[in-house]
All heavy atoms as atom14 arrays in JSON, in Angstrom:
{
  "sequence": "ILASVEAAEEQMAVCRQKPAGRLRVNAASPFMLHVIVPLVDD",
  "atom14_mask": [
    [1, 1, 1, 1, 1, 1, 1, 1, 0, 0, 0, 0, 0, 0],
    [1, 1, 1, 1, 1, 1, 1, 1, 0, 0, 0, 0, 0, 0],
    [1, 1, 1, 1, 1, 0, 0, 0, 0, 0, 0, 0, 0, 0],
    [1, 1, 1, 1, 1, 1, 0, 0, 0, 0, 0, 0, 0, 0],
    [1, 1, 1, 1, 1, 1, 1, 0, 0, 0, 0, 0, 0, 0],
    [1, 1, 1, 1, 1, 1, 1, 1, 1, 0, 0, 0, 0, 0],
    [1, 1, 1, 1, 1, 0, 0, 0, 0, 0, 0, 0, 0, 0],
    [1, 1, 1, 1, 1, 0, 0, 0, 0, 0, 0, 0, 0, 0],
    [1, 1, 1, 1, 1, 1, 1, 1, 1, 0, 0, 0, 0, 0],
    [1, 1, 1, 1, 1, 1, 1, 1, 1, 0, 0, 0, 0, 0],
    [1, 1, 1, 1, 1, 1, 1, 1, 1, 0, 0, 0, 0, 0],
    [1, 1, 1, 1, 1, 1, 1, 1, 0, 0, 0, 0, 0, 0],
    [1, 1, 1, 1, 1, 0, 0, 0, 0, 0, 0, 0, 0, 0],
    [1, 1, 1, 1, 1, 1, 1, 0, 0, 0, 0, 0, 0, 0],
    [1, 1, 1, 1, 1, 1, 0, 0, 0, 0, 0, 0, 0, 0],
    [1, 1, 1, 1, 1, 1, 1, 1, 1, 1, 1, 0, 0, 0],
    [1, 1, 1, 1, 1, 1, 1, 1, 1, 0, 0, 0, 0, 0],
    [1, 1, 1, 1, 1, 1, 1, 1, 1, 0, 0, 0, 0, 0],
    [1, 1, 1, 1, 1, 1, 1, 0, 0, 0, 0, 0, 0, 0],
    [1, 1, 1, 1, 1, 0, 0, 0, 0, 0, 0, 0, 0, 0],
    [1, 1, 1, 1, 0, 0, 0, 0, 0, 0, 0, 0, 0, 0],
    [1, 1, 1, 1, 1, 1, 1, 1, 1, 1, 1, 0, 0, 0],
    [1, 1, 1, 1, 1, 1, 1, 1, 0, 0, 0, 0, 0, 0],
    [1, 1, 1, 1, 1, 1, 1, 1, 1, 1, 1, 0, 0, 0],
    [1, 1, 1, 1, 1, 1, 1, 0, 0, 0, 0, 0, 0, 0],
    [1, 1, 1, 1, 1, 1, 1, 1, 0, 0, 0, 0, 0, 0],
    [1, 1, 1, 1, 1, 0, 0, 0, 0, 0, 0, 0, 0, 0],
    [1, 1, 1, 1, 1, 0, 0, 0, 0, 0, 0, 0, 0, 0],
    [1, 1, 1, 1, 1, 1, 0, 0, 0, 0, 0, 0, 0, 0],
    [1, 1, 1, 1, 1, 1, 1, 0, 0, 0, 0, 0, 0, 0],
    [1, 1, 1, 1, 1, 1, 1, 1, 1, 1, 1, 0, 0, 0],
    [1, 1, 1, 1, 1, 1, 1, 1, 0, 0, 0, 0, 0, 0],
    [1, 1, 1, 1, 1, 1, 1, 1, 0, 0, 0, 0, 0, 0],
    [1, 1, 1, 1, 1, 1, 1, 1, 1, 1, 0, 0, 0, 0],
    [1, 1, 1, 1, 1, 1, 1, 0, 0, 0, 0, 0, 0, 0],
    [1, 1, 1, 1, 1, 1, 1, 1, 0, 0, 0, 0, 0, 0],
    [1, 1, 1, 1, 1, 1, 1, 0, 0, 0, 0, 0, 0, 0],
    [1, 1, 1, 1, 1, 1, 1, 0, 0, 0, 0, 0, 0, 0],
    [1, 1, 1, 1, 1, 1, 1, 1, 0, 0, 0, 0, 0, 0],
    [1, 1, 1, 1, 1, 1, 1, 0, 0, 0, 0, 0, 0, 0],
    [1, 1, 1, 1, 1, 1, 1, 1, 0, 0, 0, 0, 0, 0],
    [1, 1, 1, 1, 1, 1, 1, 1, 0, 0, 0, 0, 0, 0]
  ],
  "atom14_positions": [
    [[26.64, 9.49, 5.33], [26.41, 9.21, 3.91], [26.16, 7.73, 3.69], [25.2, 7.33, 3.0], [27.6, 9.69, 3.07], [27.69, 11.22, 3.11], [27.48, 9.2, 1.63], [28.98, 11.77, 2.54], [0.0, 0.0, 0.0], [0.0, 0.0, 0.0], [0.0, 0.0, 0.0], [0.0, 0.0, 0.0], [0.0, 0.0, 0.0], [0.0, 0.0, 0.0]],
    [[26.97, 6.89, 4.27], [26.81, 5.45, 4.1], [25.5, 4.95, 4.7], [24.84, 4.06, 4.15], [28.0, 4.71, 4.72], [29.34, 4.91, 4.01], [30.47, 4.29, 4.82], [29.3, 4.3, 2.6], [0.0, 0.0, 0.0], [0.0, 0.0, 0.0], [0.0, 0.0, 0.0], [0.0, 0.0, 0.0], [0.0, 0.0, 0.0], [0.0, 0.0, 0.0]],
    [[25.11, 5.53, 5.83], [23.84, 5.14, 6.47], [22.66, 5.52, 5.59], [21.68, 4.77, 5.48], [23.72, 5.8, 7.84], [0.0, 0.0, 0.0], [0.0, 0.0, 0.0], [0.0, 0.0, 0.0], [0.0, 0.0, 0.0], [0.0, 0.0, 0.0], [0.0, 0.0, 0.0], [0.0, 0.0, 0.0], [0.0, 0.0, 0.0], [0.0, 0.0, 0.0]],
    [[22.73, 6.69, 4.95], [21.66, 7.13, 4.06], [21.52, 6.21, 2.86], [20.41, 5.86, 2.44], [21.9, 8.56, 3.59], [21.87, 9.47, 4.68], [0.0, 0.0, 0.0], [0.0, 0.0, 0.0], [0.0, 0.0, 0.0], [0.0, 0.0, 0.0], [0.0, 0.0, 0.0], [0.0, 0.0, 0.0], [0.0, 0.0, 0.0], [0.0, 0.0, 0.0]],
    [[22.66, 5.81, 2.3], [22.64, 4.9, 1.15], [22.06, 3.55, 1.57], [21.24, 2.95, 0.85], [24.06, 4.72, 0.58], [24.07, 3.63, -0.48], [24.55, 6.04, -0.01], [0.0, 0.0, 0.0], [0.0, 0.0, 0.0], [0.0, 0.0, 0.0], [0.0, 0.0, 0.0], [0.0, 0.0, 0.0], [0.0, 0.0, 0.0], [0.0, 0.0, 0.0]],
    [[22.47, 3.07, 2.74], [21.95, 1.78, 3.22], [20.44, 1.85, 3.44], [19.71, 0.92, 3.09], [22.66, 1.41, 4.53], [22.24, 0.05, 5.05], [22.98, -0.33, 6.32], [23.9, 0.41, 6.71], [22.64, -1.36, 6.92], [0.0, 0.0, 0.0], [0.0, 0.0, 0.0], [0.0, 0.0, 0.0], [0.0, 0.0, 0.0], [0.0, 0.0, 0.0]],
    [[19.97, 2.96, 4.01], [18.54, 3.12, 4.24], [17.76, 3.15, 2.93], [16.68, 2.57, 2.81], [18.28, 4.41, 5.04], [0.0, 0.0, 0.0], [0.0, 0.0, 0.0], [0.0, 0.0, 0.0], [0.0, 0.0, 0.0], [0.0, 0.0, 0.0], [0.0, 0.0, 0.0], [0.0, 0.0, 0.0], [0.0, 0.0, 0.0], [0.0, 0.0, 0.0]],
    [[18.32, 3.83, 1.93], [17.66, 3.9, 0.62], [17.59, 2.52, -0.02], [16.59, 2.14, -0.62], [18.41, 4.87, -0.29], [0.0, 0.0, 0.0], [0.0, 0.0, 0.0], [0.0, 0.0, 0.0], [0.0, 0.0, 0.0], [0.0, 0.0, 0.0], [0.0, 0.0, 0.0], [0.0, 0.0, 0.0], [0.0, 0.0, 0.0], [0.0, 0.0, 0.0]],
    [[18.66, 1.73, 0.1], [18.68, 0.38, -0.45], [17.66, -0.5, 0.25], [16.97, -1.31, -0.38], [20.08, -0.22, -0.33], [21.1, 0.43, -1.26], [22.5, -0.09, -1.04], [22.74, -0.69, 0.04], [23.35, 0.08, -1.92], [0.0, 0.0, 0.0], [0.0, 0.0, 0.0], [0.0, 0.0, 0.0], [0.0, 0.0, 0.0], [0.0, 0.0, 0.0]],
    [[17.54, -0.35, 1.57], [16.57, -1.14, 2.33], [15.15, -0.77, 1.91], [14.27, -1.64, 1.81], [16.76, -0.9, 3.83], [18.01, -1.54, 4.39], [18.2, -1.23, 5.86], [17.39, -0.45, 6.41], [19.13, -1.77, 6.47], [0.0, 0.0, 0.0], [0.0, 0.0, 0.0], [0.0, 0.0, 0.0], [0.0, 0.0, 0.0], [0.0, 0.0, 0.0]],
    [[14.92, 0.51, 1.67], [13.6, 0.96, 1.25], [13.23, 0.36, -0.1], [12.09, -0.07, -0.33], [13.54, 2.48, 1.17], [12.15, 3.03, 0.91], [12.15, 4.54, 0.94], [13.19, 5.18, 0.76], [10.99, 5.11, 1.15], [0.0, 0.0, 0.0], [0.0, 0.0, 0.0], [0.0, 0.0, 0.0], [0.0, 0.0, 0.0], [0.0, 0.0, 0.0]],
    [[14.18, 0.32, -1.03], [13.92, -0.28, -2.33], [13.68, -1.78, -2.2], [12.87, -2.36, -2.93], [15.09, -0.02, -3.27], [15.26, 1.44, -3.68], [13.78, 2.12, -4.52], [13.01, 3.02, -3.15], [0.0, 0.0, 0.0], [0.0, 0.0, 0.0], [0.0, 0.0, 0.0], [0.0, 0.0, 0.0], [0.0, 0.0, 0.0], [0.0, 0.0, 0.0]],
    [[14.37, -2.41, -1.27], [14.17, -3.85, -1.06], [12.75, -4.12, -0.56], [12.1, -5.08, -0.97], [15.2, -4.38, -0.06], [0.0, 0.0, 0.0], [0.0, 0.0, 0.0], [0.0, 0.0, 0.0], [0.0, 0.0, 0.0], [0.0, 0.0, 0.0], [0.0, 0.0, 0.0], [0.0, 0.0, 0.0], [0.0, 0.0, 0.0], [0.0, 0.0, 0.0]],
    [[12.25, -3.24, 0.31], [10.89, -3.37, 0.81], [9.89, -3.22, -0.33], [8.9, -3.95, -0.42], [10.61, -2.33, 1.92], [9.12, -2.26, 2.24], [11.4, -2.66, 3.17], [0.0, 0.0, 0.0], [0.0, 0.0, 0.0], [0.0, 0.0, 0.0], [0.0, 0.0, 0.0], [0.0, 0.0, 0.0], [0.0, 0.0, 0.0], [0.0, 0.0, 0.0]],
    [[10.16, -2.26, -1.23], [9.25, -2.04, -2.35], [9.17, -3.25, -3.27], [8.17, -3.45, -3.95], [9.68, -0.8, -3.14], [9.43, 0.75, -2.27], [0.0, 0.0, 0.0], [0.0, 0.0, 0.0], [0.0, 0.0, 0.0], [0.0, 0.0, 0.0], [0.0, 0.0, 0.0], [0.0, 0.0, 0.0], [0.0, 0.0, 0.0], [0.0, 0.0, 0.0]],
    [[10.24, -4.03, -3.34], [10.25, -5.2, -4.2], [9.52, -6.38, -3.58], [9.23, -7.36, -4.25], [11.69, -5.6, -4.54], [12.41, -4.62, -5.45], [13.69, -5.23, -5.98], [14.63, -5.55, -4.93], [15.56, -4.72, -4.46], [15.66, -3.51, -4.97], [16.38, -5.09, -3.52], [0.0, 0.0, 0.0], [0.0, 0.0, 0.0], [0.0, 0.0, 0.0]],
    [[9.25, -6.3, -2.29], [8.57, -7.38, -1.62], [7.11, -7.44, -2.07], [6.55, -6.47, -2.56], [8.63, -7.19, -0.1], [10.03, -7.31, 0.47], [10.05, -6.98, 1.95], [9.02, -6.75, 2.56], [11.24, -6.96, 2.52], [0.0, 0.0, 0.0], [0.0, 0.0, 0.0], [0.0, 0.0, 0.0], [0.0, 0.0, 0.0], [0.0, 0.0, 0.0]],
    [[6.51, -8.56, -1.86], [5.12, -8.75, -2.24], [4.23, -8.26, -1.12], [4.28, -8.79, -0.01], [4.87, -10.24, -2.51], [3.61, -10.51, -3.31], [3.55, -11.97, -3.69], [2.35, -12.24, -4.59], [2.29, -13.67, -4.96], [0.0, 0.0, 0.0], [0.0, 0.0, 0.0], [0.0, 0.0, 0.0], [0.0, 0.0, 0.0], [0.0, 0.0, 0.0]],
    [[3.41, -7.22, -1.36], [2.55, -6.7, -0.29], [1.54, -7.75, 0.14], [0.93, -8.43, -0.7], [1.88, -5.49, -0.93], [1.94, -5.73, -2.4], [3.21, -6.49, -2.63], [0.0, 0.0, 0.0], [0.0, 0.0, 0.0], [0.0, 0.0, 0.0], [0.0, 0.0, 0.0], [0.0, 0.0, 0.0], [0.0, 0.0, 0.0], [0.0, 0.0, 0.0]],
    [[1.36, -7.88, 1.43], [0.46, -8.9, 1.95], [-0.09, -8.45, 3.3], [0.4, -7.51, 3.91], [1.19, -10.23, 2.09], [0.0, 0.0, 0.0], [0.0, 0.0, 0.0], [0.0, 0.0, 0.0], [0.0, 0.0, 0.0], [0.0, 0.0, 0.0], [0.0, 0.0, 0.0], [0.0, 0.0, 0.0], [0.0, 0.0, 0.0], [0.0, 0.0, 0.0]],
    [[-1.13, -9.15, 3.74], [-1.7, -8.89, 5.06], [-3.02, -8.13, 4.97], [-3.5, -7.79, 3.9], [0.0, 0.0, 0.0], [0.0, 0.0, 0.0], [0.0, 0.0, 0.0], [0.0, 0.0, 0.0], [0.0, 0.0, 0.0], [0.0, 0.0, 0.0], [0.0, 0.0, 0.0], [0.0, 0.0, 0.0], [0.0, 0.0, 0.0], [0.0, 0.0, 0.0]],
    [[-3.57, -7.87, 6.13], [-4.88, -7.23, 6.2], [-4.75, -5.72, 6.1], [-3.89, -5.1, 6.73], [-5.58, -7.59, 7.51], [-6.97, -6.98, 7.67], [-7.66, -7.48, 8.91], [-7.83, -8.93, 8.86], [-8.4, -9.65, 9.83], [-8.83, -9.04, 10.93], [-8.53, -10.95, 9.71], [0.0, 0.0, 0.0], [0.0, 0.0, 0.0], [0.0, 0.0, 0.0]],
    [[-5.61, -5.12, 5.3], [-5.65, -3.66, 5.15], [-7.07, -3.21, 5.45], [-8.0, -3.52, 4.72], [-5.25, -3.25, 3.74], [-5.24, -1.75, 3.46], [-4.19, -1.05, 4.31], [-4.98, -1.47, 1.99], [0.0, 0.0, 0.0], [0.0, 0.0, 0.0], [0.0, 0.0, 0.0], [0.0, 0.0, 0.0], [0.0, 0.0, 0.0], [0.0, 0.0, 0.0]],
    [[-7.22, -2.47, 6.55], [-8.53, -2.01, 6.98], [-8.78, -0.61, 6.42], [-8.05, 0.33, 6.72], [-8.62, -2.0, 8.5], [-8.39, -3.37, 9.15], [-8.39, -3.27, 10.66], [-8.2, -4.57, 11.29], [-7.02, -5.09, 11.6], [-5.91, -4.41, 11.31], [-6.93, -6.26, 12.17], [0.0, 0.0, 0.0], [0.0, 0.0, 0.0], [0.0, 0.0, 0.0]],
    [[-9.84, -0.49, 5.61], [-10.18, 0.76, 4.95], [-11.55, 1.23, 5.42], [-12.5, 0.44, 5.46], [-10.19, 0.6, 3.42], [-10.52, 1.92, 2.74], [-8.84, 0.06, 2.93], [0.0, 0.0, 0.0], [0.0, 0.0, 0.0], [0.0, 0.0, 0.0], [0.0, 0.0, 0.0], [0.0, 0.0, 0.0], [0.0, 0.0, 0.0], [0.0, 0.0, 0.0]],
    [[-11.63, 2.5, 5.77], [-12.9, 3.08, 6.21], [-13.28, 4.23, 5.3], [-12.43, 5.04, 4.92], [-12.79, 3.58, 7.66], [-14.12, 4.08, 8.19], [-14.54, 5.19, 7.87], [-14.76, 3.28, 9.01], [0.0, 0.0, 0.0], [0.0, 0.0, 0.0], [0.0, 0.0, 0.0], [0.0, 0.0, 0.0], [0.0, 0.0, 0.0], [0.0, 0.0, 0.0]],
    [[-14.55, 4.3, 4.92], [-15.04, 5.4, 4.09], [-16.53, 5.56, 4.32], [-17.21, 4.61, 4.74], [-14.75, 5.14, 2.62], [0.0, 0.0, 0.0], [0.0, 0.0, 0.0], [0.0, 0.0, 0.0], [0.0, 0.0, 0.0], [0.0, 0.0, 0.0], [0.0, 0.0, 0.0], [0.0, 0.0, 0.0], [0.0, 0.0, 0.0], [0.0, 0.0, 0.0]],
    [[-17.04, 6.75, 4.04], [-18.48, 6.95, 4.09], [-19.13, 6.03, 3.06], [-18.54, 5.74, 2.01], [-18.82, 8.41, 3.81], [0.0, 0.0, 0.0], [0.0, 0.0, 0.0], [0.0, 0.0, 0.0], [0.0, 0.0, 0.0], [0.0, 0.0, 0.0], [0.0, 0.0, 0.0], [0.0, 0.0, 0.0], [0.0, 0.0, 0.0], [0.0, 0.0, 0.0]],
    [[-20.34, 5.58, 3.35], [-20.98, 4.57, 2.5], [-21.08, 4.98, 1.03], [-20.87, 4.13, 0.15], [-22.35, 4.2, 3.05], [-23.17, 5.34, 3.21], [0.0, 0.0, 0.0], [0.0, 0.0, 0.0], [0.0, 0.0, 0.0], [0.0, 0.0, 0.0], [0.0, 0.0, 0.0], [0.0, 0.0, 0.0], [0.0, 0.0, 0.0], [0.0, 0.0, 0.0]],
    [[-21.38, 6.25, 0.66], [-21.44, 6.57, -0.77], [-20.12, 6.34, -1.48], [-20.08, 5.78, -2.58], [-21.82, 8.06, -0.78], [-22.51, 8.28, 0.51], [-21.79, 7.4, 1.49], [0.0, 0.0, 0.0], [0.0, 0.0, 0.0], [0.0, 0.0, 0.0], [0.0, 0.0, 0.0], [0.0, 0.0, 0.0], [0.0, 0.0, 0.0], [0.0, 0.0, 0.0]],
    [[-19.02, 6.76, -0.87], [-17.71, 6.58, -1.5], [-17.36, 5.11, -1.55], [-16.8, 4.63, -2.54], [-16.64, 7.37, -0.75], [-15.37, 7.55, -1.53], [-15.21, 8.64, -2.37], [-14.34, 6.63, -1.42], [-14.05, 8.8, -3.11], [-13.17, 6.78, -2.15], [-13.02, 7.87, -2.99], [0.0, 0.0, 0.0], [0.0, 0.0, 0.0], [0.0, 0.0, 0.0]],
    [[-17.68, 4.39, -0.49], [-17.39, 2.96, -0.46], [-18.15, 2.24, -1.57], [-17.58, 1.43, -2.32], [-17.77, 2.37, 0.9], [-17.42, 0.91, 1.06], [-15.63, 0.63, 1.13], [-15.27, 1.2, 2.8], [0.0, 0.0, 0.0], [0.0, 0.0, 0.0], [0.0, 0.0, 0.0], [0.0, 0.0, 0.0], [0.0, 0.0, 0.0], [0.0, 0.0, 0.0]],
    [[-19.44, 2.54, -1.72], [-20.28, 1.83, -2.68], [-20.0, 2.22, -4.12], [-19.98, 1.37, -5.01], [-21.76, 2.09, -2.36], [-22.28, 1.48, -1.05], [-23.68, 1.99, -0.75], [-22.27, -0.05, -1.12], [0.0, 0.0, 0.0], [0.0, 0.0, 0.0], [0.0, 0.0, 0.0], [0.0, 0.0, 0.0], [0.0, 0.0, 0.0], [0.0, 0.0, 0.0]],
    [[-19.78, 3.51, -4.37], [-19.69, 3.99, -5.74], [-18.26, 4.07, -6.28], [-18.08, 4.12, -7.49], [-20.35, 5.36, -5.86], [-21.82, 5.33, -5.6], [-22.73, 4.91, -6.53], [-22.54, 5.63, -4.48], [-23.95, 4.96, -6.02], [-23.86, 5.39, -4.78], [0.0, 0.0, 0.0], [0.0, 0.0, 0.0], [0.0, 0.0, 0.0], [0.0, 0.0, 0.0]],
    [[-17.28, 4.1, -5.4], [-15.89, 4.22, -5.87], [-15.06, 2.99, -5.52], [-14.48, 2.36, -6.4], [-15.23, 5.49, -5.29], [-13.78, 5.58, -5.76], [-15.99, 6.74, -5.7], [0.0, 0.0, 0.0], [0.0, 0.0, 0.0], [0.0, 0.0, 0.0], [0.0, 0.0, 0.0], [0.0, 0.0, 0.0], [0.0, 0.0, 0.0], [0.0, 0.0, 0.0]],
    [[-15.02, 2.63, -4.25], [-14.11, 1.55, -3.83], [-14.62, 0.18, -4.25], [-13.87, -0.62, -4.83], [-13.88, 1.61, -2.31], [-13.13, 2.91, -1.95], [-13.07, 0.4, -1.84], [-12.86, 3.08, -0.49], [0.0, 0.0, 0.0], [0.0, 0.0, 0.0], [0.0, 0.0, 0.0], [0.0, 0.0, 0.0], [0.0, 0.0, 0.0], [0.0, 0.0, 0.0]],
    [[-15.88, -0.12, -3.97], [-16.41, -1.46, -4.27], [-16.23, -1.85, -5.74], [-15.8, -2.97, -6.04], [-17.88, -1.56, -3.83], [-18.52, -2.83, -4.39], [-17.97, -1.57, -2.3], [0.0, 0.0, 0.0], [0.0, 0.0, 0.0], [0.0, 0.0, 0.0], [0.0, 0.0, 0.0], [0.0, 0.0, 0.0], [0.0, 0.0, 0.0], [0.0, 0.0, 0.0]],
    [[-16.52, -0.97, -6.7], [-16.33, -1.36, -8.11], [-14.87, -1.65, -8.48], [-14.62, -2.28, -9.51], [-16.85, -0.14, -8.89], [-17.8, 0.53, -7.96], [-17.19, 0.34, -6.6], [0.0, 0.0, 0.0], [0.0, 0.0, 0.0], [0.0, 0.0, 0.0], [0.0, 0.0, 0.0], [0.0, 0.0, 0.0], [0.0, 0.0, 0.0], [0.0, 0.0, 0.0]],
    [[-13.92, -1.19, -7.64], [-12.51, -1.39, -7.96], [-11.9, -2.6, -7.25], [-10.77, -2.99, -7.54], [-11.71, -0.14, -7.56], [-12.08, 1.17, -8.26], [-11.28, 2.32, -7.68], [-11.85, 1.06, -9.76], [0.0, 0.0, 0.0], [0.0, 0.0, 0.0], [0.0, 0.0, 0.0], [0.0, 0.0, 0.0], [0.0, 0.0, 0.0], [0.0, 0.0, 0.0]],
    [[-12.64, -3.19, -6.33], [-12.08, -4.24, -5.48], [-11.62, -5.44, -6.3], [-10.53, -5.98, -6.06], [-13.11, -4.67, -4.42], [-12.7, -6.0, -3.76], [-13.25, -3.59, -3.34], [0.0, 0.0, 0.0], [0.0, 0.0, 0.0], [0.0, 0.0, 0.0], [0.0, 0.0, 0.0], [0.0, 0.0, 0.0], [0.0, 0.0, 0.0], [0.0, 0.0, 0.0]],
    [[-12.41, -5.88, -7.26], [-12.05, -7.08, -8.02], [-10.73, -6.9, -8.74], [-9.85, -7.77, -8.7], [-13.17, -7.41, -9.01], [-12.92, -8.73, -9.72], [-12.69, -9.74, -9.03], [-12.95, -8.75, -10.97], [0.0, 0.0, 0.0], [0.0, 0.0, 0.0], [0.0, 0.0, 0.0], [0.0, 0.0, 0.0], [0.0, 0.0, 0.0], [0.0, 0.0, 0.0]],
    [[-10.54, -5.76, -9.4], [-9.29, -5.51, -10.12], [-8.13, -5.36, -9.15], [-7.02, -5.86, -9.41], [-9.44, -4.25, -10.97], [-8.19, -3.99, -11.8], [-7.84, -4.84, -12.64], [-7.54, -2.93, -11.6], [0.0, 0.0, 0.0], [0.0, 0.0, 0.0], [0.0, 0.0, 0.0], [0.0, 0.0, 0.0], [0.0, 0.0, 0.0], [0.0, 0.0, 0.0]]
  ]
}
């Protein structure tokens, strides 16, 4: 029980961290051009 609570607290601590680093995304060109690219700036 204590280990589960500790794990849950650690998970919440990770969620509060600032996401950073490289994220490699792959998609077929239509989806990339018409869906992902228009959202990149925001």
